[in-house]
Amino acid sequence: MHEESNLSKIEALCNQIMNSPYMQKEAPIELKNLRSVIEKVNLLIKEDVPALVSEVRKLRSQNKRLEAEIEAMHPSMVITE
């Protein structure tokens, strides 16, 4: 019964929130623009950045391997930075 009363309270609060006049108003254009930017940043962080990091790691590894091959072929041609 205690759980039932908690659920009733939660349901009542949810109904109050959903019936609030603030839920009926349309968001200002600035807020819509901000949401759009946040979605793009989120996409960039979750999908693009990890792919770029992976690509950089792969290229660094490939670069080290190629430098080692060059060194093995021509020991006098040491690459210095």
N, C-alpha and C. Protein backbone atom coordinates (compact mmCIF):
# COMPACT_ATOMS: atom_id res chain seq x y z
N MET A 1 0.82 -1.19 0.00
CA MET A 1 0.00 0.00 0.00
C MET A 1 0.87 1.26 0.00
N HIS A 2 2.01 1.19 0.68
CA HIS A 2 2.93 2.33 0.70
C HIS A 2 3.42 2.63 -0.72
N GLU A 3 3.74 1.57 -1.47
CA GLU A 3 4.19 1.76 -2.85
C GLU A 3 3.09 2.37 -3.70
N GLU A 4 1.85 1.96 -3.45
CA GLU A 4 0.73 2.48 -4.20
C GLU A 4 0.56 3.98 -3.97
N SER A 5 0.72 4.43 -2.73
CA SER A 5 0.58 5.85 -2.44
C SER A 5 1.72 6.65 -3.07
N ASN A 6 2.93 6.07 -3.10
CA ASN A 6 4.05 6.74 -3.76
C ASN A 6 3.77 6.89 -5.25
N LEU A 7 3.24 5.83 -5.85
CA LEU A 7 2.93 5.90 -7.28
C LEU A 7 1.85 6.94 -7.54
N SER A 8 0.89 7.03 -6.67
CA SER A 8 -0.17 8.03 -6.83
C SER A 8 0.40 9.43 -6.74
N LYS A 9 1.32 9.65 -5.80
CA LYS A 9 1.95 10.97 -5.66
C LYS A 9 2.76 11.31 -6.91
N ILE A 10 3.49 10.33 -7.39
CA ILE A 10 4.32 10.55 -8.59
C ILE A 10 3.42 10.86 -9.78
N GLU A 11 2.36 10.09 -9.92
CA GLU A 11 1.43 10.33 -11.03
C GLU A 11 0.80 11.72 -10.93
N ALA A 12 0.42 12.14 -9.73
CA ALA A 12 -0.17 13.46 -9.54
C ALA A 12 0.82 14.56 -9.90
N LEU A 13 2.08 14.39 -9.48
CA LEU A 13 3.11 15.39 -9.82
C LEU A 13 3.33 15.45 -11.33
N CYS A 14 3.38 14.29 -11.97
CA CYS A 14 3.56 14.25 -13.43
C CYS A 14 2.41 14.95 -14.14
N ASN A 15 1.20 14.72 -13.66
CA ASN A 15 0.03 15.37 -14.26
C ASN A 15 0.10 16.88 -14.07
N GLN A 16 0.54 17.33 -12.90
CA GLN A 16 0.68 18.76 -12.67
C GLN A 16 1.69 19.37 -13.64
N ILE A 17 2.80 18.67 -13.82
CA ILE A 17 3.84 19.17 -14.73
C ILE A 17 3.32 19.22 -16.16
N MET A 18 2.69 18.15 -16.60
CA MET A 18 2.18 18.09 -17.97
C MET A 18 1.08 19.12 -18.23
N ASN A 19 0.32 19.46 -17.20
CA ASN A 19 -0.75 20.44 -17.36
C ASN A 19 -0.30 21.87 -17.08
N SER A 20 0.96 22.05 -16.77
CA SER A 20 1.49 23.37 -16.49
C SER A 20 1.41 24.25 -17.74
N PRO A 21 1.10 25.52 -17.57
CA PRO A 21 1.05 26.41 -18.74
C PRO A 21 2.41 26.54 -19.43
N TYR A 22 3.48 26.30 -18.70
CA TYR A 22 4.82 26.38 -19.29
C TYR A 22 5.06 25.27 -20.30
N MET A 23 4.39 24.14 -20.11
CA MET A 23 4.53 23.03 -21.05
C MET A 23 3.78 23.31 -22.35
N GLN A 24 2.85 24.21 -22.34
CA GLN A 24 2.03 24.50 -23.52
C GLN A 24 2.65 25.56 -24.42
N LYS A 25 3.55 26.35 -23.87
CA LYS A 25 4.16 27.44 -24.65
C LYS A 25 5.24 26.88 -25.57
N GLU A 26 5.41 27.56 -26.67
CA GLU A 26 6.46 27.19 -27.61
C GLU A 26 7.78 27.80 -27.13
N ALA A 27 8.85 27.05 -27.31
CA ALA A 27 10.17 27.52 -26.87
C ALA A 27 10.60 28.71 -27.72
N PRO A 28 11.31 29.67 -27.11
CA PRO A 28 11.83 30.81 -27.88
C PRO A 28 12.84 30.33 -28.92
N ILE A 29 12.99 31.11 -29.98
CA ILE A 29 13.89 30.75 -31.07
C ILE A 29 15.33 30.55 -30.59
N GLU A 30 15.75 31.35 -29.61
CA GLU A 30 17.11 31.22 -29.08
C GLU A 30 17.31 29.85 -28.45
N LEU A 31 16.29 29.38 -27.73
CA LEU A 31 16.37 28.06 -27.10
C LEU A 31 16.39 26.97 -28.16
N LYS A 32 15.61 27.13 -29.20
CA LYS A 32 15.62 26.15 -30.30
C LYS A 32 17.00 26.10 -30.96
N ASN A 33 17.59 27.29 -31.17
CA ASN A 33 18.92 27.34 -31.77
C ASN A 33 19.96 26.69 -30.86
N LEU A 34 19.84 26.95 -29.57
CA LEU A 34 20.77 26.35 -28.61
C LEU A 34 20.64 24.83 -28.61
N ARG A 35 19.42 24.34 -28.64
CA ARG A 35 19.21 22.88 -28.70
C ARG A 35 19.84 22.29 -29.95
N SER A 36 19.70 22.99 -31.06
CA SER A 36 20.28 22.52 -32.32
C SER A 36 21.81 22.44 -32.21
N VAL A 37 22.40 23.46 -31.64
CA VAL A 37 23.86 23.47 -31.47
C VAL A 37 24.30 22.34 -30.54
N ILE A 38 23.57 22.15 -29.45
CA ILE A 38 23.91 21.10 -28.49
C ILE A 38 23.82 19.72 -29.16
N GLU A 39 22.80 19.52 -29.98
CA GLU A 39 22.66 18.24 -30.69
C GLU A 39 23.84 18.01 -31.63
N LYS A 40 24.26 19.06 -32.33
CA LYS A 40 25.39 18.93 -33.25
C LYS A 40 26.69 18.65 -32.50
N VAL A 41 26.89 19.34 -31.38
CA VAL A 41 28.09 19.10 -30.58
C VAL A 41 28.08 17.68 -30.02
N ASN A 42 26.92 17.24 -29.58
CA ASN A 42 26.79 15.89 -29.05
C ASN A 42 27.14 14.86 -30.12
N LEU A 43 26.65 15.06 -31.34
CA LEU A 43 26.94 14.16 -32.44
C LEU A 43 28.44 14.16 -32.74
N LEU A 44 29.03 15.35 -32.74
CA LEU A 44 30.46 15.49 -33.01
C LEU A 44 31.27 14.74 -31.96
N ILE A 45 30.92 14.91 -30.69
CA ILE A 45 31.66 14.29 -29.61
C ILE A 45 31.51 12.77 -29.61
N LYS A 46 30.29 12.30 -29.84
CA LYS A 46 30.03 10.86 -29.74
C LYS A 46 30.45 10.08 -30.97
N GLU A 47 30.41 10.69 -32.15
CA GLU A 47 30.69 9.93 -33.37
C GLU A 47 31.96 10.38 -34.08
N ASP A 48 32.10 11.67 -34.31
CA ASP A 48 33.20 12.14 -35.15
C ASP A 48 34.54 12.15 -34.44
N VAL A 49 34.58 12.65 -33.21
CA VAL A 49 35.86 12.75 -32.50
C VAL A 49 36.49 11.37 -32.26
N PRO A 50 35.74 10.38 -31.77
CA PRO A 50 36.36 9.06 -31.60
C PRO A 50 36.91 8.48 -32.91
N ALA A 51 36.20 8.70 -34.01
CA ALA A 51 36.68 8.22 -35.30
C ALA A 51 37.97 8.93 -35.69
N LEU A 52 38.04 10.23 -35.44
CA LEU A 52 39.26 10.99 -35.76
C LEU A 52 40.43 10.55 -34.90
N VAL A 53 40.19 10.31 -33.62
CA VAL A 53 41.25 9.85 -32.72
C VAL A 53 41.77 8.51 -33.19
N SER A 54 40.87 7.62 -33.56
CA SER A 54 41.26 6.31 -34.07
C SER A 54 42.10 6.44 -35.33
N GLU A 55 41.69 7.31 -36.23
CA GLU A 55 42.43 7.53 -37.47
C GLU A 55 43.82 8.09 -37.20
N VAL A 56 43.94 9.03 -36.27
CA VAL A 56 45.24 9.61 -35.92
C VAL A 56 46.16 8.53 -35.35
N ARG A 57 45.62 7.70 -34.47
CA ARG A 57 46.43 6.60 -33.90
C ARG A 57 46.91 5.66 -34.99
N LYS A 58 46.01 5.33 -35.93
CA LYS A 58 46.38 4.42 -37.02
C LYS A 58 47.48 5.04 -37.88
N LEU A 59 47.34 6.33 -38.19
CA LEU A 59 48.34 7.01 -39.01
C LEU A 59 49.69 7.13 -38.30
N ARG A 60 49.66 7.38 -37.00
CA ARG A 60 50.92 7.44 -36.24
C ARG A 60 51.62 6.09 -36.26
N SER A 61 50.86 5.04 -36.08
CA SER A 61 51.42 3.68 -36.11
C SER A 61 52.00 3.37 -37.49
N GLN A 62 51.26 3.73 -38.53
CA GLN A 62 51.73 3.50 -39.89
C GLN A 62 53.00 4.31 -40.16
N ASN A 63 53.04 5.55 -39.66
CA ASN A 63 54.20 6.40 -39.84
C ASN A 63 55.43 5.79 -39.18
N LYS A 64 55.28 5.28 -37.96
CA LYS A 64 56.40 4.64 -37.25
C LYS A 64 56.90 3.42 -38.02
N ARG A 65 55.94 2.64 -38.55
CA ARG A 65 56.31 1.44 -39.29
C ARG A 65 57.08 1.82 -40.55
N LEU A 66 56.63 2.84 -41.26
CA LEU A 66 57.32 3.27 -42.48
C LEU A 66 58.70 3.84 -42.18
N GLU A 67 58.81 4.59 -41.08
CA GLU A 67 60.13 5.11 -40.69
C GLU A 67 61.09 3.98 -40.37
N ALA A 68 60.58 2.93 -39.71
CA ALA A 68 61.42 1.77 -39.39
C ALA A 68 61.85 1.06 -40.66
N GLU A 69 60.97 0.97 -41.64
CA GLU A 69 61.32 0.33 -42.91
C GLU A 69 62.39 1.14 -43.64
N ILE A 70 62.25 2.46 -43.64
CA ILE A 70 63.24 3.32 -44.28
C ILE A 70 64.58 3.17 -43.59
N GLU A 71 64.58 3.15 -42.27
CA GLU A 71 65.82 3.00 -41.49
C GLU A 71 66.48 1.66 -41.80
N ALA A 72 65.67 0.62 -41.93
CA ALA A 72 66.22 -0.71 -42.23
C ALA A 72 66.81 -0.76 -43.63
N MET A 73 66.20 -0.05 -44.57
CA MET A 73 66.70 -0.05 -45.97
C MET A 73 67.92 0.83 -46.13
N HIS A 74 67.90 1.97 -45.47
CA HIS A 74 68.99 2.94 -45.60
C HIS A 74 69.35 3.48 -44.23
N PRO A 75 70.22 2.81 -43.51
CA PRO A 75 70.57 3.25 -42.17
C PRO A 75 71.12 4.67 -42.09
N SER A 76 71.68 5.16 -43.16
CA SER A 76 72.24 6.51 -43.14
C SER A 76 71.15 7.58 -43.29
N MET A 77 69.95 7.20 -43.69
CA MET A 77 68.85 8.15 -43.88
C MET A 77 67.95 8.18 -42.65
N VAL A 78 68.50 8.66 -41.55
CA VAL A 78 67.73 8.73 -40.31
C VAL A 78 66.84 9.97 -40.34
N ILE A 79 65.58 9.77 -40.02
CA ILE A 79 64.63 10.89 -40.00
C ILE A 79 64.68 11.51 -38.61
N THR A 80 65.03 12.79 -38.59
CA THR A 80 65.04 13.49 -37.30
C THR A 80 64.05 14.63 -37.35
N GLU A 81 63.48 14.91 -36.20
CA GLU A 81 62.48 15.99 -36.14
C GLU A 81 63.03 17.16 -35.39
